[in-house]
Amino acid sequence: MEAHNLLKSIRRELEPLNREILNHPFIREVTAGTLPFQAIQEFVKQQYYIVYHDVRSIAYMASKTKNLGELDFFTKLYQGDYQAIHNLLRMAENVGLKIVELEAAKPIPEAVAYTHYLAWLAHYANPGEQAFALIVNLPVWGENCLKLSEALKTKYNVKETAFLDAFAGPYDTLEEEALKIIKPYIAEEKFRNVALTIQHYEYLFWEGLYRYVKKLKLKFPIFS
């Protein structure tokens, strides 16, 4: 199947899961301003763990590229995540957290599983699989970032939201670059597997974070 059509097909398959992500109770309650401020602080703590490790995973992806197009794509992602760390530090300060608190924070295993999967992709997947997984994931993550940014400014008086705003997209240009990388590597079942897996980990971030701040027991399995 041609790369663009494969992406469209898998996105259709992922629509129910993506709706769960985009309408997760964490997002709904932050948008309504009903989650305690400590939930926002916990979001920042978990994101520090995630992005700090993601930037190194993406750097490793860049180190394994086979041509300039691949190198440009993963370097752009690396630069975005590197800047995101510094944006997150400013956001952390705005919500009353110091870097020592971020570094000492306890990772929520379910919430940080995404970054561990990204590390797996960096070591064991090819550039096509990596690019496909990321372009499936980033627009959905970005849409939630946009919602959070607006809610934090209006409901929680958080002024420093550059971390969220930078991820909000659009991703059209990045997607076109990704599709060029994907083309030589297409293997439909492998691409489907990495796409479904990364989106389940995206869901698990929101679910793990929400259940932690609500002190609820995590439910397994997430989806059949």
C-alpha atoms as a PDB file:
ATOM      1  CA  MET A   1       0.000   0.000   0.000  1.00  0.00           C
ATOM      2  CA  GLU A   2       1.205   3.528  -0.801  1.00  0.00           C
ATOM      3  CA  ALA A   3       2.504   5.419   2.256  1.00  0.00           C
ATOM      4  CA  HIS A   4      -0.185   8.117   2.333  1.00  0.00           C
ATOM      5  CA  ASN A   5      -3.011   5.590   1.975  1.00  0.00           C
ATOM      6  CA  LEU A   6      -1.505   3.377   4.651  1.00  0.00           C
ATOM      7  CA  LEU A   7      -1.360   6.317   7.044  1.00  0.00           C
ATOM      8  CA  LYS A   8      -4.999   7.189   6.333  1.00  0.00           C
ATOM      9  CA  SER A   9      -6.067   3.576   6.781  1.00  0.00           C
ATOM     10  CA  ILE A  10      -4.336   3.156  10.122  1.00  0.00           C
ATOM     11  CA  ARG A  11      -5.620   6.494  11.371  1.00  0.00           C
ATOM     12  CA  ARG A  12      -9.146   5.301  10.631  1.00  0.00           C
ATOM     13  CA  GLU A  13      -8.449   2.143  12.605  1.00  0.00           C
ATOM     14  CA  LEU A  14      -7.122   4.253  15.473  1.00  0.00           C
ATOM     15  CA  GLU A  15     -10.073   6.647  15.584  1.00  0.00           C
ATOM     16  CA  PRO A  16     -11.788   5.007  18.604  1.00  0.00           C
ATOM     17  CA  LEU A  17      -8.560   4.960  20.613  1.00  0.00           C
ATOM     18  CA  ASN A  18      -7.659   8.504  19.591  1.00  0.00           C
ATOM     19  CA  ARG A  19     -11.103   9.688  20.698  1.00  0.00           C
ATOM     20  CA  GLU A  20     -10.417   8.127  24.093  1.00  0.00           C
ATOM     21  CA  ILE A  21      -7.139  10.050  24.256  1.00  0.00           C
ATOM     22  CA  LEU A  22      -8.582  13.363  23.099  1.00  0.00           C
ATOM     23  CA  ASN A  23     -11.559  13.105  25.453  1.00  0.00           C
ATOM     24  CA  HIS A  24      -9.744  11.620  28.406  1.00  0.00           C
ATOM     25  CA  PRO A  25     -11.055  12.630  31.861  1.00  0.00           C
ATOM     26  CA  PHE A  26      -7.717  14.333  32.625  1.00  0.00           C
ATOM     27  CA  ILE A  27      -8.211  16.631  29.622  1.00  0.00           C
ATOM     28  CA  ARG A  28     -11.903  17.171  30.328  1.00  0.00           C
ATOM     29  CA  GLU A  29     -11.365  18.025  33.960  1.00  0.00           C
ATOM     30  CA  VAL A  30      -8.432  20.367  33.318  1.00  0.00           C
ATOM     31  CA  THR A  31     -10.514  22.081  30.629  1.00  0.00           C
ATOM     32  CA  ALA A  32     -13.294  22.508  33.187  1.00  0.00           C
ATOM     33  CA  GLY A  33     -10.824  23.665  35.839  1.00  0.00           C
ATOM     34  CA  THR A  34     -11.899  20.946  38.269  1.00  0.00           C
ATOM     35  CA  LEU A  35      -8.644  19.008  38.690  1.00  0.00           C
ATOM     36  CA  PRO A  36      -6.492  20.235  41.590  1.00  0.00           C
ATOM     37  CA  PHE A  37      -3.442  22.333  40.779  1.00  0.00           C
ATOM     38  CA  GLN A  38      -1.249  19.485  42.029  1.00  0.00           C
ATOM     39  CA  ALA A  39      -2.378  17.496  38.969  1.00  0.00           C
ATOM     40  CA  ILE A  40      -0.796  20.136  36.740  1.00  0.00           C
ATOM     41  CA  GLN A  41       2.416  19.934  38.733  1.00  0.00           C
ATOM     42  CA  GLU A  42       2.401  16.148  38.373  1.00  0.00           C
ATOM     43  CA  PHE A  43       1.904  16.497  34.619  1.00  0.00           C
ATOM     44  CA  VAL A  44       5.036  18.679  34.494  1.00  0.00           C
ATOM     45  CA  LYS A  45       7.041  16.219  36.601  1.00  0.00           C
ATOM     46  CA  GLN A  46       6.141  13.268  34.392  1.00  0.00           C
ATOM     47  CA  GLN A  47       6.807  15.243  31.215  1.00  0.00           C
ATOM     48  CA  TYR A  48      10.262  16.153  32.472  1.00  0.00           C
ATOM     49  CA  TYR A  49      11.100  12.457  32.800  1.00  0.00           C
ATOM     50  CA  ILE A  50       9.583  11.717  29.386  1.00  0.00           C
ATOM     51  CA  VAL A  51      11.068  14.528  27.316  1.00  0.00           C
ATOM     52  CA  TYR A  52      14.476  14.262  28.977  1.00  0.00           C
ATOM     53  CA  HIS A  53      14.651  10.667  27.771  1.00  0.00           C
ATOM     54  CA  ASP A  54      12.839  11.204  24.456  1.00  0.00           C
ATOM     55  CA  VAL A  55      15.403  13.731  23.277  1.00  0.00           C
ATOM     56  CA  ARG A  56      18.153  11.149  23.671  1.00  0.00           C
ATOM     57  CA  SER A  57      16.118   8.449  21.950  1.00  0.00           C
ATOM     58  CA  ILE A  58      15.518  10.736  18.969  1.00  0.00           C
ATOM     59  CA  ALA A  59      19.188  11.657  18.873  1.00  0.00           C
ATOM     60  CA  TYR A  60      19.927   7.944  18.616  1.00  0.00           C
ATOM     61  CA  MET A  61      17.403   7.645  15.777  1.00  0.00           C
ATOM     62  CA  ALA A  62      19.249  10.456  13.984  1.00  0.00           C
ATOM     63  CA  SER A  63      22.558   8.636  14.477  1.00  0.00           C
ATOM     64  CA  LYS A  64      21.214   5.600  12.582  1.00  0.00           C
ATOM     65  CA  THR A  65      19.868   7.442   9.531  1.00  0.00           C
ATOM     66  CA  LYS A  66      20.914   6.392   6.049  1.00  0.00           C
ATOM     67  CA  ASN A  67      20.492   9.590   4.029  1.00  0.00           C
ATOM     68  CA  LEU A  68      20.187  13.349   4.388  1.00  0.00           C
ATOM     69  CA  GLY A  69      16.386  13.376   4.289  1.00  0.00           C
ATOM     70  CA  GLU A  70      16.207  11.019   7.256  1.00  0.00           C
ATOM     71  CA  LEU A  71      18.882  12.979   9.103  1.00  0.00           C
ATOM     72  CA  ASP A  72      17.050  16.267   8.535  1.00  0.00           C
ATOM     73  CA  PHE A  73      13.757  14.784   9.766  1.00  0.00           C
ATOM     74  CA  PHE A  74      15.078  13.313  13.001  1.00  0.00           C
ATOM     75  CA  THR A  75      17.351  16.293  13.668  1.00  0.00           C
ATOM     76  CA  LYS A  76      14.322  18.577  13.449  1.00  0.00           C
ATOM     77  CA  LEU A  77      12.513  16.382  15.978  1.00  0.00           C
ATOM     78  CA  TYR A  78      15.589  16.329  18.210  1.00  0.00           C
ATOM     79  CA  GLN A  79      15.858  20.104  18.148  1.00  0.00           C
ATOM     80  CA  GLY A  80      12.173  20.405  18.996  1.00  0.00           C
ATOM     81  CA  ASP A  81      12.474  18.113  22.009  1.00  0.00           C
ATOM     82  CA  TYR A  82      15.698  19.790  23.146  1.00  0.00           C
ATOM     83  CA  GLN A  83      13.933  23.148  23.139  1.00  0.00           C
ATOM     84  CA  ALA A  84      10.946  21.514  24.834  1.00  0.00           C
ATOM     85  CA  ILE A  85      13.067  20.657  27.880  1.00  0.00           C
ATOM     86  CA  HIS A  86      13.941  24.314  28.375  1.00  0.00           C
ATOM     87  CA  ASN A  87      10.352  25.386  27.761  1.00  0.00           C
ATOM     88  CA  LEU A  88       9.247  22.834  30.341  1.00  0.00           C
ATOM     89  CA  LEU A  89      11.677  24.222  32.923  1.00  0.00           C
ATOM     90  CA  ARG A  90      10.088  27.661  32.521  1.00  0.00           C
ATOM     91  CA  MET A  91       6.637  26.110  32.857  1.00  0.00           C
ATOM     92  CA  ALA A  92       7.791  24.238  35.959  1.00  0.00           C
ATOM     93  CA  GLU A  93       8.950  27.484  37.551  1.00  0.00           C
ATOM     94  CA  ASN A  94       5.591  29.077  36.715  1.00  0.00           C
ATOM     95  CA  VAL A  95       3.738  26.270  38.533  1.00  0.00           C
ATOM     96  CA  GLY A  96       6.030  26.404  41.557  1.00  0.00           C
ATOM     97  CA  LEU A  97       8.452  23.572  40.846  1.00  0.00           C
ATOM     98  CA  LYS A  98      12.238  23.651  40.994  1.00  0.00           C
ATOM     99  CA  ILE A  99      14.498  21.505  38.855  1.00  0.00           C
ATOM    100  CA  VAL A 100      15.585  19.505  41.898  1.00  0.00           C
ATOM    101  CA  GLU A 101      11.933  18.538  42.387  1.00  0.00           C
ATOM    102  CA  LEU A 102      11.656  17.464  38.760  1.00  0.00           C
ATOM    103  CA  GLU A 103      14.785  15.343  38.987  1.00  0.00           C
ATOM    104  CA  ALA A 104      13.663  13.766  42.254  1.00  0.00           C
ATOM    105  CA  ALA A 105      10.098  13.081  41.111  1.00  0.00           C
ATOM    106  CA  LYS A 106       8.877   9.506  41.156  1.00  0.00           C
ATOM    107  CA  PRO A 107       8.007   8.283  37.645  1.00  0.00           C
ATOM    108  CA  ILE A 108       4.513   6.854  37.333  1.00  0.00           C
ATOM    109  CA  PRO A 109       5.282   3.579  35.493  1.00  0.00           C
ATOM    110  CA  GLU A 110       2.138   3.666  33.354  1.00  0.00           C
ATOM    111  CA  ALA A 111       2.592   7.347  32.516  1.00  0.00           C
ATOM    112  CA  VAL A 112       6.219   7.052  31.428  1.00  0.00           C
ATOM    113  CA  ALA A 113       5.864   3.786  29.499  1.00  0.00           C
ATOM    114  CA  TYR A 114       5.632   5.841  26.287  1.00  0.00           C
ATOM    115  CA  THR A 115       9.210   7.048  26.584  1.00  0.00           C
ATOM    116  CA  HIS A 116      10.437   3.505  27.189  1.00  0.00           C
ATOM    117  CA  TYR A 117       8.723   2.383  23.997  1.00  0.00           C
ATOM    118  CA  LEU A 118      10.322   5.270  22.103  1.00  0.00           C
ATOM    119  CA  ALA A 119      13.697   4.038  23.342  1.00  0.00           C
ATOM    120  CA  TRP A 120      12.803   0.567  22.025  1.00  0.00           C
ATOM    121  CA  LEU A 121      11.927   2.072  18.645  1.00  0.00           C
ATOM    122  CA  ALA A 122      15.238   3.939  18.599  1.00  0.00           C
ATOM    123  CA  HIS A 123      17.219   0.756  19.124  1.00  0.00           C
ATOM    124  CA  TYR A 124      15.243  -1.859  17.210  1.00  0.00           C
ATOM    125  CA  ALA A 125      13.046  -0.199  14.571  1.00  0.00           C
ATOM    126  CA  ASN A 126      14.114   1.186  11.207  1.00  0.00           C
ATOM    127  CA  PRO A 127      13.760   4.890  10.282  1.00  0.00           C
ATOM    128  CA  GLY A 128      10.530   4.205   8.389  1.00  0.00           C
ATOM    129  CA  GLU A 129       8.879   2.554  11.387  1.00  0.00           C
ATOM    130  CA  GLN A 130      10.143   5.303  13.677  1.00  0.00           C
ATOM    131  CA  ALA A 131       8.864   8.097  11.437  1.00  0.00           C
ATOM    132  CA  PHE A 132       5.516   6.364  10.985  1.00  0.00           C
ATOM    133  CA  ALA A 133       4.980   5.896  14.718  1.00  0.00           C
ATOM    134  CA  LEU A 134       5.848   9.514  15.427  1.00  0.00           C
ATOM    135  CA  ILE A 135       3.648  11.022  12.744  1.00  0.00           C
ATOM    136  CA  VAL A 136       0.729   8.914  13.950  1.00  0.00           C
ATOM    137  CA  ASN A 137       1.303  10.023  17.535  1.00  0.00           C
ATOM    138  CA  LEU A 138       2.363  13.669  17.390  1.00  0.00           C
ATOM    139  CA  PRO A 139      -0.824  15.265  15.973  1.00  0.00           C
ATOM    140  CA  VAL A 140      -2.941  13.600  18.680  1.00  0.00           C
ATOM    141  CA  TRP A 141      -0.512  14.594  21.432  1.00  0.00           C
ATOM    142  CA  GLY A 142      -0.430  18.077  19.918  1.00  0.00           C
ATOM    143  CA  GLU A 143      -4.203  18.446  19.991  1.00  0.00           C
ATOM    144  CA  ASN A 144      -4.245  17.653  23.692  1.00  0.00           C
ATOM    145  CA  CYS A 145      -1.381  20.091  24.257  1.00  0.00           C
ATOM    146  CA  LEU A 146      -3.446  22.839  22.621  1.00  0.00           C
ATOM    147  CA  LYS A 147      -6.404  22.089  24.901  1.00  0.00           C
ATOM    148  CA  LEU A 148      -4.186  22.067  27.977  1.00  0.00           C
ATOM    149  CA  SER A 149      -2.482  25.327  27.030  1.00  0.00           C
ATOM    150  CA  GLU A 150      -5.790  27.151  26.688  1.00  0.00           C
ATOM    151  CA  ALA A 151      -7.153  25.650  29.909  1.00  0.00           C
ATOM    152  CA  LEU A 152      -4.065  26.373  31.975  1.00  0.00           C
ATOM    153  CA  LYS A 153      -4.108  30.022  30.969  1.00  0.00           C
ATOM    154  CA  THR A 154      -7.815  30.523  31.578  1.00  0.00           C
ATOM    155  CA  LYS A 155      -8.513  28.178  34.493  1.00  0.00           C
ATOM    156  CA  TYR A 156      -5.224  27.900  36.400  1.00  0.00           C
ATOM    157  CA  ASN A 157      -3.508  31.243  35.736  1.00  0.00           C
ATOM    158  CA  VAL A 158      -0.470  29.495  34.217  1.00  0.00           C
ATOM    159  CA  LYS A 159       1.151  31.986  31.867  1.00  0.00           C
ATOM    160  CA  GLU A 160       4.161  29.981  30.676  1.00  0.00           C
ATOM    161  CA  THR A 161       2.775  27.449  28.202  1.00  0.00           C
ATOM    162  CA  ALA A 162       5.437  27.493  25.474  1.00  0.00           C
ATOM    163  CA  PHE A 163       6.103  23.808  26.151  1.00  0.00           C
ATOM    164  CA  LEU A 164       2.537  22.947  25.172  1.00  0.00           C
ATOM    165  CA  ASP A 165       2.224  25.528  22.404  1.00  0.00           C
ATOM    166  CA  ALA A 166       5.276  24.225  20.543  1.00  0.00           C
ATOM    167  CA  PHE A 167       3.735  20.748  20.351  1.00  0.00           C
ATOM    168  CA  ALA A 168       0.323  22.004  19.241  1.00  0.00           C
ATOM    169  CA  GLY A 169       1.156  21.773  15.547  1.00  0.00           C
ATOM    170  CA  PRO A 170       0.269  21.938  12.739  1.00  0.00           C
ATOM    171  CA  TYR A 171       2.128  18.834  11.567  1.00  0.00           C
ATOM    172  CA  ASP A 172       1.350  18.954   7.833  1.00  0.00           C
ATOM    173  CA  THR A 173       4.909  19.728   6.709  1.00  0.00           C
ATOM    174  CA  LEU A 174       6.430  17.192   9.085  1.00  0.00           C
ATOM    175  CA  GLU A 175       3.978  14.587   7.825  1.00  0.00           C
ATOM    176  CA  GLU A 176       5.014  15.157   4.212  1.00  0.00           C
ATOM    177  CA  GLU A 177       8.656  14.748   5.211  1.00  0.00           C
ATOM    178  CA  ALA A 178       7.804  11.588   7.130  1.00  0.00           C
ATOM    179  CA  LEU A 179       5.957  10.053   4.186  1.00  0.00           C
ATOM    180  CA  LYS A 180       9.079  10.399   2.012  1.00  0.00           C
ATOM    181  CA  ILE A 181      11.102   8.559   4.657  1.00  0.00           C
ATOM    182  CA  ILE A 182       8.455   5.879   5.134  1.00  0.00           C
ATOM    183  CA  LYS A 183       8.104   4.956   1.453  1.00  0.00           C
ATOM    184  CA  PRO A 184      11.180   2.685   1.057  1.00  0.00           C
ATOM    185  CA  TYR A 185      10.476   0.841   4.316  1.00  0.00           C
ATOM    186  CA  ILE A 186       6.779   0.036   3.997  1.00  0.00           C
ATOM    187  CA  ALA A 187       5.794  -3.214   5.660  1.00  0.00           C
ATOM    188  CA  GLU A 188       2.102  -2.872   6.453  1.00  0.00           C
ATOM    189  CA  GLU A 189       1.825  -5.152   9.468  1.00  0.00           C
ATOM    190  CA  LYS A 190       4.959  -3.803  11.140  1.00  0.00           C
ATOM    191  CA  PHE A 191       3.803  -0.225  10.558  1.00  0.00           C
ATOM    192  CA  ARG A 192       0.376  -1.077  11.917  1.00  0.00           C
ATOM    193  CA  ASN A 193       1.934  -2.624  15.020  1.00  0.00           C
ATOM    194  CA  VAL A 194       4.138   0.360  15.869  1.00  0.00           C
ATOM    195  CA  ALA A 195       1.244   2.772  15.283  1.00  0.00           C
ATOM    196  CA  LEU A 196      -1.192   0.892  17.506  1.00  0.00           C
ATOM    197  CA  THR A 197       1.443   0.332  20.168  1.00  0.00           C
ATOM    198  CA  ILE A 198       2.578   3.947  20.448  1.00  0.00           C
ATOM    199  CA  GLN A 199      -1.021   5.175  20.634  1.00  0.00           C
ATOM    200  CA  HIS A 200      -1.825   2.706  23.395  1.00  0.00           C
ATOM    201  CA  TYR A 201       1.160   4.068  25.290  1.00  0.00           C
ATOM    202  CA  GLU A 202      -0.117   7.604  24.637  1.00  0.00           C
ATOM    203  CA  TYR A 203      -3.443   6.582  26.165  1.00  0.00           C
ATOM    204  CA  LEU A 204      -1.607   4.987  29.067  1.00  0.00           C
ATOM    205  CA  PHE A 205       0.168   8.275  29.808  1.00  0.00           C
ATOM    206  CA  TRP A 206      -3.127  10.078  30.374  1.00  0.00           C
ATOM    207  CA  GLU A 207      -4.742   7.134  32.146  1.00  0.00           C
ATOM    208  CA  GLY A 208      -1.767   6.487  34.435  1.00  0.00           C
ATOM    209  CA  LEU A 209      -1.402  10.173  35.278  1.00  0.00           C
ATOM    210  CA  TYR A 210      -5.127  10.618  35.926  1.00  0.00           C
ATOM    211  CA  ARG A 211      -5.457   7.564  38.115  1.00  0.00           C
ATOM    212  CA  TYR A 212      -2.357   8.582  40.068  1.00  0.00           C
ATOM    213  CA  VAL A 213      -3.653  12.061  40.865  1.00  0.00           C
ATOM    214  CA  LYS A 214      -7.088  10.611  41.630  1.00  0.00           C
ATOM    215  CA  LYS A 215      -5.567   7.718  43.620  1.00  0.00           C
ATOM    216  CA  LEU A 216      -7.489   5.190  41.558  1.00  0.00           C
ATOM    217  CA  LYS A 217      -6.422   1.677  40.629  1.00  0.00           C
ATOM    218  CA  LEU A 218      -5.318   1.291  37.027  1.00  0.00           C
ATOM    219  CA  LYS A 219      -7.480  -1.005  34.970  1.00  0.00           C
ATOM    220  CA  PHE A 220      -6.059  -3.576  32.552  1.00  0.00           C
ATOM    221  CA  PRO A 221      -6.416  -4.320  29.734  1.00  0.00           C
ATOM    222  CA  ILE A 222      -6.977  -0.897  28.227  1.00  0.00           C
ATOM    223  CA  PHE A 223      -8.405  -2.126  24.940  1.00  0.00           C
ATOM    224  CA  SER A 224      -8.981  -5.506  23.401  1.00  0.00           C
END
